Amino acid sequence: MRLPAFYRWLLLVVGISISGISLAQDAGWPRQIQDSRGVHTLDHKPARIVSTSVTLTGSLLAIDAPVVASGATTPNNRFADDQGFMRQWSDVAKARHVARLYIGEPNAETVAAQMPDLILISATGGDSALALYDQLSAIAPTLVINYDDKSWQSLLTQLGEITGQEKQAAARIAEFETQLTTVKQRIALPPQPVSALVYTPAAHSANLWTPESAQGKLLTQLGFTLATLPRGLQTSKSQGKRHDIIQLGGENLAAGLNGESLFLFAGDNKDVAALYANPLLAHLPAVQNKRVYALGTETFRLDYYSATLLLKPACRPVLALSESYPTDQTDLVSRINAPSSASIANRRRLAKTT
């Protein structure tokens, strides 16, 4: 017996609806995300994400998350472009037309104007908009993200789960791990342990990266050993909450920089020269033996882009590295790239025979 046309149409509509629900469930939406404020339900995959933290934005861009706007830092300096976006991902942000929300001080009205369906806040740091949580959470689902206690890879994985970009996050991490393996096979480690820091010459102070920081974890992945602070050293942590840096100043500066080698994140050769010129640090073994190395100005905010930039020169084809670690260069990356004397000899021999 044939069903009337109306009933056939009704069954078709119901079937399509059930299929749609099933597909949505298979895709993982809605999904629940937990942060320090509790459990949040995201009904659908975000399509308009606002990142109030310039630190988080780079990782979101790396996994192709739909970021429509971002907080910014002070523009037009060696770290940031004319928008106040980090230079390592500045071109990506411009290509994707990411709007600048504000510089420094968070503004809820500016966030609301972007009509976001997801807002991300950093839990700590100078780019945190945590004070506006109540206002922002009234606009759209708002998540608080800790980036000061994990590697950039762990942060990427977390953001991938939040945004539904898990595959992209895994692919980026896999790309980096391949490069990391290559570098570890070629790199010649300087005397250990090392101190990793951001040096501020004008204030004669430094922020020391801890083993919990993304910078510290990257060095550990490369095979370096981080120096342990002397017992009883009086230090402070930024804002009393951060896990990634320890502030050093005054007499504690020299005592805290007790590594056999010093690695300057967010620094260049000018910062190395300034550290060498500080008379209070002249007695340090790393200074006396010229083992202070700049890792580039883009490494202050460590993410997929800056971490890859740190390794990229080391991935150029080289035949070998010198077994004796040179001390007359301040750029670690160029040193990783430098061929050994045996390599040079091989190249000369090949040149003669061709």
Protein backbone atom coordinates (compact mmCIF):
# COMPACT_ATOMS: atom_id res chain seq x y z
CA MET A 1 0.00 0.00 0.00
CA ARG A 2 1.42 3.36 -1.06
CA LEU A 3 1.59 6.12 1.54
CA PRO A 4 0.05 9.46 0.68
CA ALA A 5 2.53 12.01 -0.66
CA PHE A 6 2.27 14.12 2.51
CA TYR A 7 3.38 11.24 4.76
CA ARG A 8 6.22 10.34 2.43
CA TRP A 9 7.39 13.96 2.60
CA LEU A 10 7.06 13.99 6.41
CA LEU A 11 9.14 10.81 6.77
CA LEU A 12 11.79 12.29 4.50
CA VAL A 13 12.00 15.47 6.58
CA VAL A 14 12.21 13.51 9.84
CA GLY A 15 14.88 11.27 8.38
CA ILE A 16 16.97 14.22 7.25
CA SER A 17 16.60 15.87 10.68
CA ILE A 18 17.70 12.72 12.51
CA SER A 19 20.63 12.34 10.12
CA GLY A 20 21.64 15.94 10.76
CA ILE A 21 21.58 15.42 14.52
CA SER A 22 23.67 12.29 14.15
CA LEU A 23 26.25 14.07 12.01
CA ALA A 24 26.47 16.91 14.54
CA GLN A 25 27.00 14.45 17.36
CA ASP A 26 29.64 12.59 15.37
CA ALA A 27 31.46 15.87 14.81
CA GLY A 28 31.64 16.41 18.54
CA TRP A 29 29.19 19.27 18.93
CA PRO A 30 27.93 20.35 21.29
CA ARG A 31 30.96 19.78 23.48
CA GLN A 32 31.87 20.66 27.05
CA ILE A 33 35.04 22.54 27.93
CA GLN A 34 36.31 23.01 31.47
CA ASP A 35 38.41 25.93 32.68
CA SER A 36 39.07 27.63 36.02
CA ARG A 37 35.55 29.10 35.98
CA GLY A 38 33.75 25.80 35.54
CA VAL A 39 32.28 23.74 32.71
CA HIS A 40 31.13 25.50 29.54
CA THR A 41 28.96 24.06 26.79
CA LEU A 42 29.77 25.09 23.23
CA ASP A 43 26.71 24.36 21.11
CA HIS A 44 28.50 24.55 17.77
CA LYS A 45 31.91 24.91 16.24
CA PRO A 46 33.04 28.53 16.70
CA ALA A 47 32.87 30.69 13.59
CA ARG A 48 33.85 34.08 15.04
CA ILE A 49 36.53 33.89 17.71
CA VAL A 50 37.81 36.93 19.56
CA SER A 51 41.17 36.50 21.27
CA THR A 52 41.72 39.13 23.94
CA SER A 53 45.27 37.80 24.38
CA VAL A 54 47.89 38.53 21.73
CA THR A 55 49.82 35.54 23.09
CA LEU A 56 46.98 33.14 22.27
CA THR A 57 46.32 34.61 18.85
CA GLY A 58 49.42 33.16 17.22
CA SER A 59 48.47 29.64 18.24
CA LEU A 60 44.91 30.13 17.01
CA LEU A 61 46.16 31.29 13.62
CA ALA A 62 48.51 28.32 13.42
CA ILE A 63 45.58 25.89 13.54
CA ASP A 64 43.46 27.93 11.11
CA ALA A 65 40.92 28.85 13.78
CA PRO A 66 38.46 31.58 12.67
CA VAL A 67 39.94 34.50 14.61
CA VAL A 68 38.19 37.73 13.65
CA ALA A 69 39.86 40.07 16.14
CA SER A 70 42.65 40.14 18.70
CA GLY A 71 44.06 42.22 21.49
CA ALA A 72 47.41 43.81 20.70
CA THR A 73 50.60 45.00 22.32
CA THR A 74 52.55 48.22 21.79
CA PRO A 75 52.97 48.63 18.01
CA ASN A 76 56.00 49.46 15.88
CA ASN A 77 58.83 47.93 17.85
CA ARG A 78 61.17 45.00 17.33
CA PHE A 79 58.56 42.57 18.67
CA ALA A 80 55.35 43.87 17.06
CA ASP A 81 54.17 45.33 13.76
CA ASP A 82 52.18 48.51 13.14
CA GLN A 83 49.04 46.79 14.47
CA GLY A 84 50.67 45.58 17.66
CA PHE A 85 50.62 41.97 16.43
CA MET A 86 53.64 39.72 16.89
CA ARG A 87 56.00 39.89 13.92
CA GLN A 88 56.29 36.11 13.58
CA TRP A 89 52.62 35.84 12.54
CA SER A 90 51.96 39.40 11.40
CA ASP A 91 51.65 38.45 7.71
CA VAL A 92 49.21 35.65 8.52
CA ALA A 93 47.00 38.01 10.52
CA LYS A 94 46.96 40.55 7.70
CA ALA A 95 46.12 37.90 5.11
CA ARG A 96 43.18 36.75 7.22
CA HIS A 97 42.02 40.30 7.98
CA VAL A 98 42.26 39.94 11.75
CA ALA A 99 41.06 43.18 13.33
CA ARG A 100 42.85 44.85 16.22
CA LEU A 101 40.62 45.18 19.27
CA TYR A 102 42.69 47.54 21.36
CA ILE A 103 46.23 48.15 22.56
CA GLY A 104 46.86 47.10 26.14
CA GLU A 105 43.78 47.99 28.19
CA PRO A 106 40.88 45.58 27.45
CA ASN A 107 37.55 47.01 26.33
CA ALA A 108 34.33 44.98 26.48
CA GLU A 109 32.43 47.21 24.04
CA THR A 110 35.09 46.72 21.39
CA VAL A 111 34.84 42.96 21.85
CA ALA A 112 31.04 43.02 21.60
CA ALA A 113 31.22 44.97 18.33
CA GLN A 114 32.91 41.97 16.71
CA MET A 115 29.83 39.79 17.41
CA PRO A 116 31.89 36.80 18.57
CA ASP A 117 30.53 33.35 19.29
CA LEU A 118 33.59 32.52 21.42
CA ILE A 119 35.88 34.73 23.51
CA LEU A 120 39.26 33.63 24.83
CA ILE A 121 41.05 35.21 27.81
CA SER A 122 44.54 34.47 29.12
CA ALA A 123 44.65 33.64 32.82
CA THR A 124 47.84 35.59 33.49
CA GLY A 125 50.24 38.01 31.86
CA GLY A 126 50.09 41.58 30.69
CA ASP A 127 47.59 40.69 27.97
CA SER A 128 45.04 39.17 30.36
CA ALA A 129 41.48 40.55 30.27
CA LEU A 130 40.43 38.48 33.28
CA ALA A 131 39.14 41.57 35.10
CA LEU A 132 36.42 41.86 32.44
CA TYR A 133 35.33 38.23 32.62
CA ASP A 134 31.79 38.95 33.82
CA GLN A 135 31.20 41.53 31.09
CA LEU A 136 32.70 39.38 28.35
CA SER A 137 30.87 36.21 29.38
CA ALA A 138 27.60 38.10 28.95
CA ILE A 139 28.51 38.65 25.29
CA ALA A 140 29.44 35.09 24.29
CA PRO A 141 30.88 31.89 25.81
CA THR A 142 34.16 32.96 27.40
CA LEU A 143 37.03 30.62 28.27
CA VAL A 144 40.05 31.31 30.47
CA ILE A 145 43.26 29.78 29.11
CA ASN A 146 46.50 29.20 31.01
CA TYR A 147 49.56 29.46 28.78
CA ASP A 148 52.19 29.97 31.48
CA ASP A 149 52.36 26.36 32.67
CA LYS A 150 52.65 24.39 29.45
CA SER A 151 54.55 23.99 26.21
CA TRP A 152 53.28 25.72 23.10
CA GLN A 153 52.43 22.26 21.75
CA SER A 154 50.16 21.54 24.72
CA LEU A 155 48.52 24.92 24.27
CA LEU A 156 47.99 24.19 20.58
CA THR A 157 46.36 20.87 21.43
CA GLN A 158 44.06 22.54 23.96
CA LEU A 159 43.00 25.25 21.53
CA GLY A 160 42.44 22.62 18.85
CA GLU A 161 39.97 20.81 21.10
CA ILE A 162 38.17 24.06 21.94
CA THR A 163 37.83 25.21 18.34
CA GLY A 164 37.31 21.86 16.63
CA GLN A 165 40.68 22.18 14.87
CA GLU A 166 42.24 19.06 16.42
CA LYS A 167 43.60 17.72 13.14
CA GLN A 168 45.25 21.01 12.26
CA ALA A 169 46.86 21.22 15.70
CA ALA A 170 48.20 17.67 15.43
CA ALA A 171 49.57 18.37 11.95
CA ARG A 172 51.41 21.50 13.08
CA ILE A 173 52.94 19.70 16.03
CA ALA A 174 54.02 16.79 13.84
CA GLU A 175 55.70 19.20 11.39
CA PHE A 176 57.61 20.81 14.21
CA GLU A 177 58.61 17.52 15.83
CA THR A 178 60.17 16.42 12.55
CA GLN A 179 62.30 19.57 12.44
CA LEU A 180 63.13 19.21 16.12
CA THR A 181 64.45 15.70 15.59
CA THR A 182 66.71 16.94 12.79
CA VAL A 183 68.11 19.74 14.93
CA LYS A 184 68.77 17.45 17.91
CA GLN A 185 70.83 15.19 15.68
CA ARG A 186 72.99 18.08 14.49
CA ILE A 187 73.27 20.43 17.41
CA ALA A 188 76.44 20.62 19.49
CA LEU A 189 75.47 21.54 23.03
CA PRO A 190 77.46 24.20 24.89
CA PRO A 191 78.52 23.59 28.51
CA GLN A 192 75.53 22.75 30.68
CA PRO A 193 73.40 23.76 32.51
CA VAL A 194 72.01 26.89 30.86
CA SER A 195 69.96 29.87 32.01
CA ALA A 196 67.18 31.07 29.72
CA LEU A 197 66.02 34.64 30.18
CA VAL A 198 64.71 37.91 28.81
CA TYR A 199 67.25 40.61 29.65
CA THR A 200 66.25 44.26 30.13
CA PRO A 201 69.47 46.31 29.87
CA ALA A 202 67.95 49.65 30.92
CA ALA A 203 66.68 48.22 34.21
CA HIS A 204 69.57 45.79 34.75
CA SER A 205 66.96 43.11 35.34
CA ALA A 206 65.83 39.85 33.81
CA ASN A 207 62.89 37.50 33.64
CA LEU A 208 64.17 33.97 34.01
CA TRP A 209 62.23 31.27 32.17
CA THR A 210 61.28 28.37 34.42
CA PRO A 211 61.09 24.67 33.46
CA GLU A 212 57.31 25.12 33.28
CA SER A 213 57.54 27.82 30.62
CA ALA A 214 57.14 27.13 26.92
CA GLN A 215 60.68 28.45 26.40
CA GLY A 216 62.11 26.19 29.09
CA LYS A 217 60.28 23.18 27.73
CA LEU A 218 61.58 23.85 24.22
CA LEU A 219 65.18 23.97 25.42
CA THR A 220 64.65 20.73 27.33
CA GLN A 221 63.25 19.13 24.17
CA LEU A 222 66.41 20.18 22.35
CA GLY A 223 68.54 18.45 24.96
CA PHE A 224 69.57 21.40 27.12
CA THR A 225 69.54 21.29 30.93
CA LEU A 226 68.15 24.31 32.76
CA ALA A 227 70.16 25.60 35.70
CA THR A 228 68.60 25.33 39.15
CA LEU A 229 68.40 28.52 41.18
CA PRO A 230 70.55 28.70 44.32
CA ARG A 231 68.70 27.86 47.51
CA GLY A 232 67.49 30.84 49.48
CA LEU A 233 67.58 33.23 46.55
CA GLN A 234 64.88 35.86 47.01
CA THR A 235 62.85 36.11 43.81
CA SER A 236 59.35 37.08 42.80
CA LYS A 237 56.91 35.86 40.20
CA SER A 238 55.15 38.33 37.93
CA GLN A 239 51.73 39.31 39.27
CA GLY A 240 52.20 36.68 41.99
CA LYS A 241 50.60 34.01 39.83
CA ARG A 242 52.67 33.18 36.78
CA HIS A 243 54.49 29.89 36.56
CA ASP A 244 56.68 30.66 33.56
CA ILE A 245 58.97 33.47 34.74
CA ILE A 246 60.94 34.49 37.80
CA GLN A 247 61.97 38.12 38.15
CA LEU A 248 65.61 38.85 38.89
CA GLY A 249 67.00 42.25 39.80
CA GLY A 250 69.64 43.96 41.91
CA GLU A 251 72.05 41.60 43.62
CA ASN A 252 69.83 38.65 42.73
CA LEU A 253 70.45 39.16 39.02
CA ALA A 254 73.97 37.79 39.05
CA ALA A 255 73.13 35.07 41.57
CA GLY A 256 70.18 33.90 39.49
CA LEU A 257 72.10 33.72 36.22
CA ASN A 258 74.13 30.72 37.31
CA GLY A 259 74.08 28.75 34.07
CA GLU A 260 77.31 27.88 32.26
CA SER A 261 75.67 29.41 29.18
CA LEU A 262 73.03 32.14 28.92
CA PHE A 263 70.28 32.11 26.28
CA LEU A 264 68.58 35.44 25.61
CA PHE A 265 65.02 35.04 24.40
CA ALA A 266 63.41 38.12 22.84
CA GLY A 267 66.93 39.37 22.26
CA ASP A 268 69.49 40.07 19.56
CA ASN A 269 73.21 40.75 19.49
CA LYS A 270 72.67 44.24 20.92
CA ASP A 271 71.23 42.66 24.04
CA VAL A 272 74.20 40.31 24.23
CA ALA A 273 76.57 43.28 24.05
CA ALA A 274 74.61 45.09 26.75
CA LEU A 275 74.81 42.09 29.06
CA TYR A 276 78.55 41.78 28.49
CA ALA A 277 78.89 45.49 29.33
CA ASN A 278 77.15 45.12 32.71
CA PRO A 279 79.98 45.22 35.29
CA LEU A 280 77.84 43.42 37.87
CA LEU A 281 77.81 40.34 35.61
CA ALA A 282 81.45 40.38 34.56
CA HIS A 283 82.40 37.59 36.96
CA LEU A 284 79.88 35.09 35.63
CA PRO A 285 81.44 32.06 33.88
CA ALA A 286 79.06 32.50 30.93
CA VAL A 287 80.24 36.09 30.49
CA GLN A 288 83.93 35.39 30.98
CA ASN A 289 83.82 32.53 28.47
CA LYS A 290 81.67 34.41 25.96
CA ARG A 291 78.78 31.97 26.16
CA VAL A 292 75.85 34.37 25.92
CA TYR A 293 73.62 33.66 22.92
CA ALA A 294 70.72 35.59 21.38
CA LEU A 295 67.77 33.53 20.17
CA GLY A 296 65.92 36.25 18.27
CA THR A 297 63.45 38.99 19.15
CA GLU A 298 60.43 36.93 18.05
CA THR A 299 60.94 34.32 20.77
CA PHE A 300 59.34 36.33 23.59
CA ARG A 301 55.89 34.96 22.70
CA LEU A 302 56.63 31.36 21.88
CA ASP A 303 54.17 29.70 19.52
CA TYR A 304 54.27 27.52 16.41
CA TYR A 305 55.59 30.38 14.28
CA SER A 306 58.37 31.59 16.58
CA ALA A 307 59.43 28.06 17.56
CA THR A 308 59.67 27.11 13.89
CA LEU A 309 61.68 30.25 13.13
CA LEU A 310 64.10 29.28 15.86
CA LEU A 311 64.72 25.92 14.22
CA LYS A 312 64.36 26.78 10.54
CA PRO A 313 67.94 27.90 9.79
CA ALA A 314 69.23 24.74 11.45
CA CYS A 315 67.30 22.62 8.96
CA ARG A 316 69.27 23.81 5.93
CA PRO A 317 71.45 21.06 4.43
CA VAL A 318 74.75 20.80 6.27
CA LEU A 319 77.22 17.95 6.24
CA ALA A 320 78.36 18.11 9.83
CA LEU A 321 78.90 20.30 12.86
CA SER A 322 82.14 21.09 14.58
CA GLU A 323 82.65 18.88 17.61
CA SER A 324 84.30 21.76 19.44
CA TYR A 325 81.68 24.32 20.39
CA PRO A 326 82.72 27.79 19.14
CA THR A 327 82.71 30.70 21.57
CA ASP A 328 83.17 33.65 19.23
CA GLN A 329 79.59 33.79 17.95
CA THR A 330 76.53 35.08 19.73
CA ASP A 331 73.84 33.71 17.44
CA LEU A 332 72.96 30.13 18.41
CA VAL A 333 71.00 29.49 15.22
CA SER A 334 73.84 30.48 12.90
CA ARG A 335 76.16 28.30 14.94
CA ILE A 336 73.88 25.29 14.54
CA ASN A 337 74.09 25.98 10.81
CA ALA A 338 77.87 26.31 10.69
CA PRO A 339 79.71 23.49 8.88
CA SER A 340 82.66 21.77 10.49
CA SER A 341 86.19 21.91 9.12
CA ALA A 342 85.67 18.38 7.81
CA SER A 343 82.58 19.54 5.99
CA ILE A 344 84.47 22.41 4.37
CA ALA A 345 87.24 20.05 3.32
CA ASN A 346 84.71 17.71 1.74
CA ARG A 347 83.14 20.55 -0.19
CA ARG A 348 86.55 21.71 -1.48
CA ARG A 349 87.38 18.14 -2.54
CA LEU A 350 84.08 17.83 -4.40
CA ALA A 351 84.68 21.17 -6.10
CA LYS A 352 88.03 19.98 -7.44
CA THR A 353 86.57 16.78 -8.86
CA THR A 354 83.61 18.41 -10.65
